[in-house]
Amino acid sequence: MATMERYLRIDGKYHYESDTRNKMIMNEVAICFDRDSQLLLDHGDPEEVIEYYEEALRDFEEADWVIAANDITMVVAKFPIRELNKLMLNKKYLSGFLYNNKDLFSRDVRENG
């Protein structure tokens, strides 16, 4: 059975709903992904995603997986709801999502390396 995940925009804030994660309300949405594989690693509240991002970097660096650590990227932006929900329905849509929203986060990309 597929997991239900979606973002709503209510009173200028993003509301994330899922049947497997706690509900989140935030001003912006963070996306953490692997640039090489185009794998979506985490998304949601920027503070929580930053924790995930930093922990993943530490884990890869401690394991001497420098190339893997260098591919982890995080972006924070006010993404269009339609695009976020398209990504939630199809995680393989990440490359299209990034391309369609490149103007929103070109300054906010966090990269290691």
N, C-alpha and C. Protein backbone atom coordinates (compact mmCIF):
# COMPACT_ATOMS: atom_id res chain seq x y z
N MET A 1 0.84 -1.19 0.00
CA MET A 1 0.00 0.00 0.00
C MET A 1 0.88 1.25 0.00
N ALA A 2 0.56 2.19 -0.84
CA ALA A 2 1.36 3.41 -0.97
C ALA A 2 1.12 4.34 0.22
N THR A 3 2.17 5.05 0.59
CA THR A 3 2.10 6.03 1.66
C THR A 3 1.48 7.31 1.13
N MET A 4 0.56 7.89 1.89
CA MET A 4 -0.04 9.17 1.51
C MET A 4 0.83 10.28 2.08
N GLU A 5 1.32 11.15 1.22
CA GLU A 5 2.08 12.32 1.63
C GLU A 5 1.61 13.49 0.79
N ARG A 6 1.46 14.65 1.42
CA ARG A 6 1.11 15.83 0.64
C ARG A 6 1.43 17.09 1.42
N TYR A 7 1.63 18.15 0.66
CA TYR A 7 1.83 19.48 1.21
C TYR A 7 0.61 20.32 0.86
N LEU A 8 0.20 21.16 1.80
CA LEU A 8 -0.88 22.12 1.59
C LEU A 8 -0.31 23.50 1.90
N ARG A 9 -0.91 24.53 1.37
CA ARG A 9 -0.53 25.91 1.70
C ARG A 9 -1.74 26.55 2.36
N ILE A 10 -1.61 26.85 3.66
CA ILE A 10 -2.70 27.44 4.43
C ILE A 10 -2.17 28.69 5.14
N ASP A 11 -2.81 29.82 4.90
CA ASP A 11 -2.41 31.10 5.51
C ASP A 11 -0.92 31.39 5.32
N GLY A 12 -0.39 31.09 4.14
CA GLY A 12 0.99 31.39 3.83
C GLY A 12 2.01 30.41 4.37
N LYS A 13 1.56 29.37 5.04
CA LYS A 13 2.49 28.38 5.60
C LYS A 13 2.29 27.03 4.91
N TYR A 14 3.37 26.26 4.89
CA TYR A 14 3.30 24.90 4.35
C TYR A 14 2.86 23.95 5.45
N HIS A 15 1.90 23.11 5.12
CA HIS A 15 1.43 22.07 6.04
C HIS A 15 1.72 20.73 5.37
N TYR A 16 2.50 19.89 6.05
CA TYR A 16 2.82 18.57 5.51
C TYR A 16 1.99 17.54 6.24
N GLU A 17 1.35 16.67 5.47
CA GLU A 17 0.54 15.59 6.04
C GLU A 17 1.01 14.27 5.47
N SER A 18 1.07 13.26 6.33
CA SER A 18 1.51 11.93 5.92
C SER A 18 0.89 10.91 6.86
N ASP A 19 0.71 9.70 6.36
CA ASP A 19 0.21 8.66 7.24
C ASP A 19 1.35 7.92 7.94
N THR A 20 2.62 8.34 7.72
CA THR A 20 3.75 7.69 8.38
C THR A 20 4.64 8.66 9.16
N ARG A 21 4.47 9.96 8.99
CA ARG A 21 5.29 10.95 9.70
C ARG A 21 4.38 11.95 10.41
N ASN A 22 4.94 12.63 11.40
CA ASN A 22 4.18 13.66 12.11
C ASN A 22 3.88 14.82 11.17
N LYS A 23 2.74 15.47 11.42
CA LYS A 23 2.36 16.65 10.65
C LYS A 23 3.36 17.77 10.95
N MET A 24 3.71 18.55 9.93
CA MET A 24 4.64 19.66 10.09
C MET A 24 4.01 20.92 9.52
N ILE A 25 4.29 22.03 10.16
CA ILE A 25 3.87 23.34 9.66
C ILE A 25 5.13 24.19 9.60
N MET A 26 5.38 24.81 8.43
CA MET A 26 6.64 25.53 8.25
C MET A 26 6.48 26.69 7.27
N ASN A 27 7.43 27.62 7.30
CA ASN A 27 7.42 28.75 6.38
C ASN A 27 8.02 28.40 5.02
N GLU A 28 9.02 27.52 5.03
CA GLU A 28 9.69 27.07 3.81
C GLU A 28 9.87 25.56 3.91
N VAL A 29 10.22 24.95 2.79
CA VAL A 29 10.43 23.50 2.75
C VAL A 29 11.88 23.23 2.35
N ALA A 30 12.49 22.27 3.00
CA ALA A 30 13.85 21.84 2.66
C ALA A 30 13.79 20.51 1.94
N ILE A 31 14.67 20.35 0.98
CA ILE A 31 14.81 19.12 0.22
C ILE A 31 16.27 18.71 0.32
N CYS A 32 16.54 17.48 0.73
CA CYS A 32 17.90 16.96 0.79
C CYS A 32 17.96 15.78 -0.18
N PHE A 33 18.98 15.76 -1.03
CA PHE A 33 19.05 14.73 -2.06
C PHE A 33 20.49 14.42 -2.42
N ASP A 34 20.67 13.31 -3.11
CA ASP A 34 21.96 12.90 -3.63
C ASP A 34 22.02 13.35 -5.09
N ARG A 35 22.97 14.23 -5.39
CA ARG A 35 23.08 14.76 -6.75
C ARG A 35 23.37 13.69 -7.79
N ASP A 36 24.22 12.73 -7.44
CA ASP A 36 24.62 11.73 -8.42
C ASP A 36 23.47 10.78 -8.78
N SER A 37 22.82 10.23 -7.76
CA SER A 37 21.76 9.25 -8.02
C SER A 37 20.38 9.89 -8.20
N GLN A 38 20.27 11.19 -7.87
CA GLN A 38 18.98 11.90 -7.90
C GLN A 38 17.99 11.26 -6.92
N LEU A 39 18.49 10.74 -5.82
CA LEU A 39 17.67 10.12 -4.80
C LEU A 39 17.26 11.16 -3.76
N LEU A 40 15.96 11.28 -3.52
CA LEU A 40 15.45 12.16 -2.48
C LEU A 40 15.73 11.51 -1.14
N LEU A 41 16.49 12.18 -0.28
CA LEU A 41 16.89 11.61 1.01
C LEU A 41 15.97 12.06 2.14
N ASP A 42 15.56 13.32 2.13
CA ASP A 42 14.69 13.84 3.19
C ASP A 42 14.04 15.12 2.68
N HIS A 43 12.95 15.51 3.35
CA HIS A 43 12.26 16.74 2.99
C HIS A 43 11.43 17.17 4.18
N GLY A 44 11.07 18.45 4.21
CA GLY A 44 10.21 18.95 5.28
C GLY A 44 10.76 20.18 5.95
N ASP A 45 10.58 20.23 7.27
CA ASP A 45 11.01 21.38 8.07
C ASP A 45 12.52 21.58 7.91
N PRO A 46 12.95 22.79 7.52
CA PRO A 46 14.37 23.02 7.30
C PRO A 46 15.26 22.66 8.48
N GLU A 47 14.84 22.94 9.71
CA GLU A 47 15.67 22.61 10.87
C GLU A 47 15.89 21.11 11.00
N GLU A 48 14.86 20.32 10.74
CA GLU A 48 15.00 18.87 10.82
C GLU A 48 15.82 18.32 9.66
N VAL A 49 15.64 18.88 8.48
CA VAL A 49 16.39 18.40 7.31
C VAL A 49 17.86 18.78 7.44
N ILE A 50 18.16 19.94 8.02
CA ILE A 50 19.56 20.32 8.27
C ILE A 50 20.22 19.30 9.20
N GLU A 51 19.50 18.87 10.23
CA GLU A 51 20.05 17.84 11.13
C GLU A 51 20.35 16.56 10.36
N TYR A 52 19.42 16.14 9.51
CA TYR A 52 19.62 14.93 8.70
C TYR A 52 20.84 15.11 7.79
N TYR A 53 20.91 16.25 7.13
CA TYR A 53 22.00 16.57 6.20
C TYR A 53 23.35 16.51 6.91
N GLU A 54 23.46 17.17 8.04
CA GLU A 54 24.73 17.20 8.77
C GLU A 54 25.11 15.83 9.31
N GLU A 55 24.14 15.06 9.78
CA GLU A 55 24.41 13.71 10.27
C GLU A 55 24.87 12.80 9.13
N ALA A 56 24.23 12.91 7.98
CA ALA A 56 24.63 12.10 6.82
C ALA A 56 26.05 12.44 6.40
N LEU A 57 26.38 13.73 6.38
CA LEU A 57 27.75 14.13 6.03
C LEU A 57 28.76 13.53 7.00
N ARG A 58 28.48 13.62 8.31
CA ARG A 58 29.38 13.06 9.32
C ARG A 58 29.55 11.56 9.11
N ASP A 59 28.44 10.86 8.90
CA ASP A 59 28.50 9.41 8.72
C ASP A 59 29.34 9.03 7.51
N PHE A 60 29.13 9.71 6.39
CA PHE A 60 29.91 9.41 5.18
C PHE A 60 31.38 9.75 5.38
N GLU A 61 31.66 10.89 6.00
CA GLU A 61 33.05 11.29 6.21
C GLU A 61 33.76 10.34 7.17
N GLU A 62 33.08 9.90 8.22
CA GLU A 62 33.67 8.94 9.17
C GLU A 62 33.95 7.61 8.50
N ALA A 63 33.16 7.25 7.50
CA ALA A 63 33.35 6.00 6.78
C ALA A 63 34.31 6.18 5.60
N ASP A 64 34.90 7.37 5.47
CA ASP A 64 35.81 7.70 4.36
C ASP A 64 35.13 7.59 3.00
N TRP A 65 33.84 7.88 2.95
CA TRP A 65 33.10 7.91 1.69
C TRP A 65 32.98 9.36 1.25
N VAL A 66 34.11 9.95 0.94
CA VAL A 66 34.17 11.38 0.61
C VAL A 66 33.33 11.70 -0.62
N ILE A 67 33.37 10.84 -1.63
CA ILE A 67 32.60 11.10 -2.85
C ILE A 67 31.11 11.13 -2.54
N ALA A 68 30.65 10.19 -1.72
CA ALA A 68 29.23 10.17 -1.34
C ALA A 68 28.87 11.43 -0.56
N ALA A 69 29.73 11.83 0.35
CA ALA A 69 29.47 13.04 1.14
C ALA A 69 29.39 14.27 0.24
N ASN A 70 30.25 14.32 -0.77
CA ASN A 70 30.26 15.48 -1.67
C ASN A 70 29.00 15.58 -2.53
N ASP A 71 28.29 14.48 -2.70
CA ASP A 71 27.09 14.49 -3.54
C ASP A 71 25.82 14.90 -2.79
N ILE A 72 25.87 14.95 -1.46
CA ILE A 72 24.67 15.31 -0.71
C ILE A 72 24.45 16.82 -0.81
N THR A 73 23.23 17.19 -1.16
CA THR A 73 22.87 18.59 -1.37
C THR A 73 21.55 18.88 -0.67
N MET A 74 21.42 20.09 -0.17
CA MET A 74 20.17 20.49 0.48
C MET A 74 19.76 21.85 -0.05
N VAL A 75 18.47 22.01 -0.32
CA VAL A 75 17.94 23.30 -0.75
C VAL A 75 16.73 23.65 0.12
N VAL A 76 16.57 24.94 0.36
CA VAL A 76 15.44 25.45 1.14
C VAL A 76 14.79 26.55 0.32
N ALA A 77 13.48 26.46 0.14
CA ALA A 77 12.79 27.48 -0.65
C ALA A 77 11.29 27.42 -0.41
N LYS A 78 10.60 28.36 -0.99
CA LYS A 78 9.13 28.38 -1.01
C LYS A 78 8.71 27.79 -2.35
N PHE A 79 8.66 26.46 -2.40
CA PHE A 79 8.35 25.75 -3.63
C PHE A 79 6.85 25.80 -3.91
N PRO A 80 6.48 25.74 -5.19
CA PRO A 80 5.05 25.64 -5.53
C PRO A 80 4.45 24.34 -5.00
N ILE A 81 3.26 24.42 -4.44
CA ILE A 81 2.59 23.25 -3.87
C ILE A 81 2.44 22.13 -4.90
N ARG A 82 2.06 22.50 -6.10
CA ARG A 82 1.87 21.49 -7.15
C ARG A 82 3.15 20.68 -7.38
N GLU A 83 4.29 21.37 -7.41
CA GLU A 83 5.58 20.70 -7.62
C GLU A 83 5.94 19.80 -6.45
N LEU A 84 5.73 20.29 -5.22
CA LEU A 84 6.02 19.47 -4.04
C LEU A 84 5.19 18.19 -4.04
N ASN A 85 3.92 18.32 -4.34
CA ASN A 85 3.04 17.16 -4.32
C ASN A 85 3.34 16.19 -5.47
N LYS A 86 3.79 16.71 -6.58
CA LYS A 86 4.22 15.85 -7.68
C LYS A 86 5.43 15.01 -7.23
N LEU A 87 6.33 15.65 -6.50
CA LEU A 87 7.51 14.97 -5.98
C LEU A 87 7.11 13.92 -4.93
N MET A 88 6.12 14.23 -4.10
CA MET A 88 5.68 13.27 -3.08
C MET A 88 5.05 12.03 -3.73
N LEU A 89 4.36 12.23 -4.84
CA LEU A 89 3.73 11.10 -5.54
C LEU A 89 4.74 10.25 -6.30
N ASN A 90 5.82 10.90 -6.77
CA ASN A 90 6.80 10.19 -7.58
C ASN A 90 8.20 10.69 -7.23
N LYS A 91 8.87 9.95 -6.35
CA LYS A 91 10.21 10.37 -5.90
C LYS A 91 11.20 10.42 -7.07
N LYS A 92 10.91 9.73 -8.16
CA LYS A 92 11.80 9.75 -9.33
C LYS A 92 11.65 11.06 -10.11
N TYR A 93 10.72 11.90 -9.72
CA TYR A 93 10.51 13.20 -10.36
C TYR A 93 11.53 14.23 -9.89
N LEU A 94 12.47 13.86 -9.04
CA LEU A 94 13.39 14.82 -8.45
C LEU A 94 14.12 15.67 -9.49
N SER A 95 14.65 15.07 -10.55
CA SER A 95 15.38 15.87 -11.54
C SER A 95 14.47 16.91 -12.19
N GLY A 96 13.22 16.54 -12.51
CA GLY A 96 12.27 17.50 -13.05
C GLY A 96 11.92 18.57 -12.04
N PHE A 97 11.75 18.18 -10.79
CA PHE A 97 11.46 19.12 -9.72
C PHE A 97 12.57 20.15 -9.59
N LEU A 98 13.81 19.68 -9.56
CA LEU A 98 14.95 20.59 -9.43
C LEU A 98 15.05 21.53 -10.62
N TYR A 99 14.87 21.00 -11.81
CA TYR A 99 14.94 21.84 -13.00
C TYR A 99 13.82 22.88 -13.01
N ASN A 100 12.60 22.46 -12.71
CA ASN A 100 11.46 23.38 -12.75
C ASN A 100 11.51 24.46 -11.68
N ASN A 101 12.29 24.24 -10.63
CA ASN A 101 12.34 25.19 -9.51
C ASN A 101 13.73 25.78 -9.31
N LYS A 102 14.61 25.66 -10.28
CA LYS A 102 16.00 26.09 -10.12
C LYS A 102 16.14 27.56 -9.75
N ASP A 103 15.25 28.40 -10.22
CA ASP A 103 15.33 29.83 -9.92
C ASP A 103 15.01 30.14 -8.46
N LEU A 104 14.29 29.25 -7.80
CA LEU A 104 13.90 29.49 -6.41
C LEU A 104 15.02 29.24 -5.42
N PHE A 105 15.93 28.35 -5.74
CA PHE A 105 16.94 27.99 -4.73
C PHE A 105 18.37 28.09 -5.20
N SER A 106 18.62 28.77 -6.27
CA SER A 106 20.00 28.83 -6.78
C SER A 106 20.98 29.41 -5.76
N ARG A 107 20.50 30.26 -4.86
CA ARG A 107 21.39 30.83 -3.83
C ARG A 107 21.44 29.99 -2.57
N ASP A 108 20.48 29.10 -2.36
CA ASP A 108 20.35 28.42 -1.09
C ASP A 108 20.85 26.97 -1.08
N VAL A 109 21.56 26.59 -2.11
CA VAL A 109 22.04 25.21 -2.16
C VAL A 109 23.20 25.04 -1.20
N ARG A 110 23.09 24.01 -0.36
CA ARG A 110 24.19 23.64 0.54
C ARG A 110 24.86 22.43 -0.07
N GLU A 111 26.14 22.55 -0.29
CA GLU A 111 26.88 21.45 -0.84
C GLU A 111 28.09 21.20 0.03
N ASN A 112 28.49 19.98 0.14
CA ASN A 112 29.69 19.63 0.84
C ASN A 112 30.79 19.43 -0.20
N GLY A 113 31.90 20.05 -0.03
CA GLY A 113 33.01 19.85 -0.97
C GLY A 113 33.30 21.05 -1.80
